[in-house]
C-alpha cells in the first residue's frame, strides 16, 4: 500500500512540474512576441493643418503655401487616410 501511494505521489509531482514548466515556457514566448511587435511599430508624421498629409519621416508639409513642420501622429490605433508622397 505504501509503495502504491509513493508511486502515485511521485507521478503527481512529475505531472505538476511538467505542467508548470510548459506554462512558463509559453509565457516567455508570449513576452518575446510582444517585444517584437513593439519594436516594429512605425512612427508616422502629419501636418497639424493638413491631417491628410502622412509621412514616415519628419520634414515640412508639401502643400503649397503651408510648409509647416510635420509632427508625430498621435495615437497608435488612429486611422490613417491615404498616404501623400513627398
N, C-alpha and C. Protein backbone atom coordinates (compact mmCIF):
# COMPACT_ATOMS: atom_id res chain seq x y z
N UNK A 1 0.82 -1.19 0.00
CA UNK A 1 0.00 0.00 0.00
C UNK A 1 0.87 1.26 0.00
N UNK A 2 1.95 1.25 0.83
CA UNK A 2 2.83 2.42 0.90
C UNK A 2 3.53 2.65 -0.44
N UNK A 3 3.93 1.56 -1.10
CA UNK A 3 4.61 1.70 -2.39
C UNK A 3 3.67 2.32 -3.42
N UNK A 4 2.43 1.93 -3.42
CA UNK A 4 1.45 2.47 -4.35
C UNK A 4 1.22 3.95 -4.10
N UNK A 5 1.12 4.33 -2.85
CA UNK A 5 0.93 5.73 -2.51
C UNK A 5 2.15 6.57 -2.91
N UNK A 6 3.34 6.05 -2.65
CA UNK A 6 4.55 6.77 -3.02
C UNK A 6 4.66 6.91 -4.54
N UNK A 7 4.32 5.86 -5.25
CA UNK A 7 4.37 5.89 -6.71
C UNK A 7 3.35 6.90 -7.25
N UNK A 8 2.15 6.93 -6.72
CA UNK A 8 1.12 7.88 -7.15
C UNK A 8 1.56 9.31 -6.84
N UNK A 9 2.15 9.52 -5.69
CA UNK A 9 2.63 10.84 -5.30
C UNK A 9 3.76 11.31 -6.23
N UNK A 10 4.66 10.42 -6.58
CA UNK A 10 5.76 10.74 -7.48
C UNK A 10 5.22 11.10 -8.87
N UNK A 11 4.23 10.38 -9.35
CA UNK A 11 3.64 10.66 -10.67
C UNK A 11 2.91 12.01 -10.66
N UNK A 12 2.23 12.29 -9.57
CA UNK A 12 1.53 13.57 -9.45
C UNK A 12 2.52 14.73 -9.42
N UNK A 13 3.60 14.58 -8.66
CA UNK A 13 4.63 15.61 -8.59
C UNK A 13 5.25 15.86 -9.97
N UNK A 14 5.53 14.79 -10.71
CA UNK A 14 6.10 14.91 -12.05
C UNK A 14 5.14 15.63 -12.99
N UNK A 15 3.87 15.28 -12.93
CA UNK A 15 2.88 15.91 -13.81
C UNK A 15 2.75 17.41 -13.51
N UNK A 16 2.75 17.76 -12.24
CA UNK A 16 2.64 19.17 -11.87
C UNK A 16 3.88 19.94 -12.32
N UNK A 17 5.05 19.37 -12.14
CA UNK A 17 6.31 20.01 -12.55
C UNK A 17 6.34 20.25 -14.05
N UNK A 18 5.95 19.26 -14.83
CA UNK A 18 5.93 19.39 -16.30
C UNK A 18 4.92 20.46 -16.72
N UNK A 19 3.76 20.47 -16.12
CA UNK A 19 2.73 21.46 -16.46
C UNK A 19 3.22 22.88 -16.17
N UNK A 20 3.84 23.08 -15.03
CA UNK A 20 4.35 24.41 -14.67
C UNK A 20 5.45 24.84 -15.63
N UNK A 21 6.36 23.95 -15.97
CA UNK A 21 7.45 24.34 -16.87
C UNK A 21 6.94 24.66 -18.27
N UNK A 22 5.92 23.95 -18.74
CA UNK A 22 5.34 24.25 -20.06
C UNK A 22 4.66 25.60 -20.04
N UNK A 23 3.91 25.90 -18.98
CA UNK A 23 3.21 27.19 -18.92
C UNK A 23 4.19 28.35 -18.81
N UNK A 24 5.31 28.17 -18.12
CA UNK A 24 6.32 29.22 -18.04
C UNK A 24 6.96 29.43 -19.41
N UNK A 25 7.22 28.37 -20.14
CA UNK A 25 7.82 28.50 -21.47
C UNK A 25 6.87 29.23 -22.41
N UNK A 26 5.58 28.97 -22.32
CA UNK A 26 4.59 29.68 -23.14
C UNK A 26 4.56 31.16 -22.78
N UNK A 27 4.68 31.49 -21.52
CA UNK A 27 4.68 32.88 -21.08
C UNK A 27 5.88 33.63 -21.61
N UNK A 28 7.04 32.99 -21.62
CA UNK A 28 8.25 33.63 -22.14
C UNK A 28 8.11 33.86 -23.63
N UNK A 29 7.55 32.91 -24.34
CA UNK A 29 7.35 33.06 -25.78
C UNK A 29 6.41 34.23 -26.07
N UNK A 30 5.35 34.35 -25.29
CA UNK A 30 4.40 35.44 -25.48
C UNK A 30 5.05 36.79 -25.25
N UNK A 31 5.90 36.90 -24.25
CA UNK A 31 6.58 38.15 -23.98
C UNK A 31 7.52 38.53 -25.11
N UNK A 32 8.23 37.54 -25.68
CA UNK A 32 9.14 37.86 -26.77
C UNK A 32 8.37 38.27 -28.02
N UNK A 33 7.22 37.66 -28.28
CA UNK A 33 6.38 38.06 -29.41
C UNK A 33 5.90 39.49 -29.23
N UNK A 34 5.51 39.84 -28.02
CA UNK A 34 5.05 41.20 -27.73
C UNK A 34 6.18 42.20 -27.93
N UNK A 35 7.38 41.86 -27.50
CA UNK A 35 8.52 42.74 -27.66
C UNK A 35 8.81 42.98 -29.14
N UNK A 36 8.68 41.95 -29.96
CA UNK A 36 8.90 42.11 -31.40
C UNK A 36 7.87 43.06 -32.01
N UNK A 37 6.63 42.96 -31.58
CA UNK A 37 5.58 43.83 -32.10
C UNK A 37 5.84 45.28 -31.72
N UNK A 38 6.33 45.50 -30.52
CA UNK A 38 6.60 46.87 -30.08
C UNK A 38 7.74 47.46 -30.88
N UNK A 39 8.77 46.68 -31.18
CA UNK A 39 9.92 47.17 -31.92
C UNK A 39 9.57 47.53 -33.35
N UNK A 40 8.59 46.86 -33.95
CA UNK A 40 8.27 47.08 -35.36
C UNK A 40 7.26 48.21 -35.57
N UNK A 41 6.81 48.86 -34.51
CA UNK A 41 5.84 49.94 -34.66
C UNK A 41 6.50 51.11 -35.41
N UNK A 42 5.82 51.63 -36.44
CA UNK A 42 6.34 52.73 -37.23
C UNK A 42 5.86 54.05 -36.66
N UNK A 43 6.71 55.05 -36.76
CA UNK A 43 6.33 56.41 -36.36
C UNK A 43 5.88 57.13 -37.62
N UNK A 44 4.71 57.73 -37.55
CA UNK A 44 4.18 58.49 -38.67
C UNK A 44 4.13 59.96 -38.31
N UNK A 45 4.32 60.80 -39.30
CA UNK A 45 4.30 62.24 -39.11
C UNK A 45 3.18 62.84 -39.95
N UNK A 46 2.56 63.90 -39.43
CA UNK A 46 1.47 64.55 -40.12
C UNK A 46 1.57 66.07 -39.95
N UNK A 47 0.91 66.78 -40.85
CA UNK A 47 0.87 68.24 -40.76
C UNK A 47 -0.26 68.63 -39.81
N UNK A 48 -0.01 69.56 -38.89
CA UNK A 48 -1.06 69.99 -37.98
C UNK A 48 -2.26 70.64 -38.70
N UNK A 49 -2.00 71.27 -39.84
CA UNK A 49 -3.08 71.94 -40.58
C UNK A 49 -3.72 71.05 -41.64
N UNK A 50 -3.00 70.03 -42.08
CA UNK A 50 -3.49 69.14 -43.15
C UNK A 50 -3.33 67.69 -42.70
N UNK A 51 -4.29 67.15 -41.92
CA UNK A 51 -4.16 65.79 -41.40
C UNK A 51 -4.12 64.71 -42.48
N UNK A 52 -4.46 65.07 -43.73
CA UNK A 52 -4.39 64.09 -44.81
C UNK A 52 -2.95 63.87 -45.28
N UNK A 53 -2.02 64.74 -44.86
CA UNK A 53 -0.61 64.57 -45.21
C UNK A 53 0.02 63.64 -44.18
N UNK A 54 0.49 62.49 -44.64
CA UNK A 54 1.11 61.49 -43.77
C UNK A 54 2.48 61.14 -44.35
N UNK A 55 3.49 61.09 -43.49
CA UNK A 55 4.84 60.75 -43.93
C UNK A 55 5.47 59.82 -42.91
N UNK A 56 6.41 58.99 -43.36
CA UNK A 56 7.11 58.10 -42.44
C UNK A 56 8.42 58.72 -41.94
N UNK A 57 8.69 59.97 -42.33
CA UNK A 57 9.89 60.67 -41.84
C UNK A 57 9.54 62.14 -41.59
N UNK A 58 10.26 62.78 -40.68
CA UNK A 58 9.97 64.18 -40.39
C UNK A 58 10.33 65.07 -41.58
N UNK A 59 9.76 66.26 -41.59
CA UNK A 59 10.04 67.19 -42.66
C UNK A 59 9.05 68.34 -42.65
N UNK A 60 8.82 68.93 -43.81
CA UNK A 60 7.89 70.05 -43.96
C UNK A 60 6.68 69.59 -44.76
N UNK A 61 5.54 70.23 -44.54
CA UNK A 61 4.31 69.93 -45.28
C UNK A 61 4.52 70.29 -46.75
N UNK A 62 4.19 69.37 -47.66
CA UNK A 62 4.40 69.63 -49.09
C UNK A 62 3.29 70.46 -49.73
N UNK A 63 2.21 70.75 -49.01
CA UNK A 63 1.12 71.53 -49.59
C UNK A 63 1.60 72.94 -49.92
N UNK A 64 1.22 73.46 -51.08
CA UNK A 64 1.65 74.81 -51.47
C UNK A 64 1.21 75.86 -50.46
N UNK A 65 2.14 76.70 -50.06
CA UNK A 65 1.84 77.79 -49.13
C UNK A 65 1.82 77.38 -47.67
N UNK A 66 2.03 76.10 -47.35
CA UNK A 66 1.98 75.67 -45.94
C UNK A 66 3.39 75.62 -45.36
N UNK A 67 4.11 74.58 -45.64
CA UNK A 67 5.49 74.45 -45.17
C UNK A 67 5.64 74.23 -43.68
N UNK A 68 4.54 73.90 -42.97
CA UNK A 68 4.64 73.65 -41.52
C UNK A 68 5.45 72.39 -41.26
N UNK A 69 6.10 72.36 -40.10
CA UNK A 69 6.88 71.19 -39.70
C UNK A 69 5.92 70.05 -39.36
N UNK A 70 6.20 68.87 -39.91
CA UNK A 70 5.38 67.69 -39.61
C UNK A 70 5.64 67.25 -38.17
N UNK A 71 4.58 66.81 -37.50
CA UNK A 71 4.67 66.36 -36.11
C UNK A 71 4.31 64.89 -36.04
N UNK A 72 4.76 64.23 -34.96
CA UNK A 72 4.44 62.82 -34.78
C UNK A 72 2.94 62.65 -34.67
N UNK A 73 2.43 61.62 -35.33
CA UNK A 73 1.00 61.35 -35.33
C UNK A 73 0.62 60.75 -33.99
N UNK A 74 -0.40 61.30 -33.35
CA UNK A 74 -0.84 60.84 -32.04
C UNK A 74 -1.70 59.59 -32.16
N UNK A 75 -1.62 58.72 -31.18
CA UNK A 75 -2.48 57.54 -31.11
C UNK A 75 -2.04 56.45 -32.06
N UNK A 76 -1.77 55.24 -31.52
CA UNK A 76 -1.31 54.17 -32.37
C UNK A 76 -2.45 53.46 -33.09
N UNK A 77 -3.69 53.60 -32.63
CA UNK A 77 -4.82 52.95 -33.30
C UNK A 77 -5.61 53.91 -34.16
N UNK A 78 -5.08 55.09 -34.40
CA UNK A 78 -5.77 56.09 -35.18
C UNK A 78 -5.74 55.70 -36.65
N UNK A 79 -6.86 55.84 -37.34
CA UNK A 79 -6.92 55.51 -38.75
C UNK A 79 -6.12 56.52 -39.55
N UNK A 80 -5.41 56.03 -40.55
CA UNK A 80 -4.62 56.94 -41.38
C UNK A 80 -5.25 57.05 -42.76
N UNK A 81 -5.51 58.28 -43.21
CA UNK A 81 -6.03 58.45 -44.57
C UNK A 81 -4.93 58.13 -45.58
N UNK A 82 -5.26 58.21 -46.86
CA UNK A 82 -4.29 57.88 -47.90
C UNK A 82 -2.98 58.62 -47.72
N UNK A 83 -1.87 57.94 -47.93
CA UNK A 83 -0.56 58.49 -47.72
C UNK A 83 -0.15 59.38 -48.89
N UNK A 84 0.28 60.59 -48.60
CA UNK A 84 0.70 61.51 -49.64
C UNK A 84 2.21 61.39 -49.81
N UNK A 85 2.67 61.17 -51.02
CA UNK A 85 4.10 61.05 -51.30
C UNK A 85 4.76 62.40 -51.23
N UNK A 86 5.95 62.40 -50.65
CA UNK A 86 6.71 63.64 -50.53
C UNK A 86 7.93 63.57 -51.40
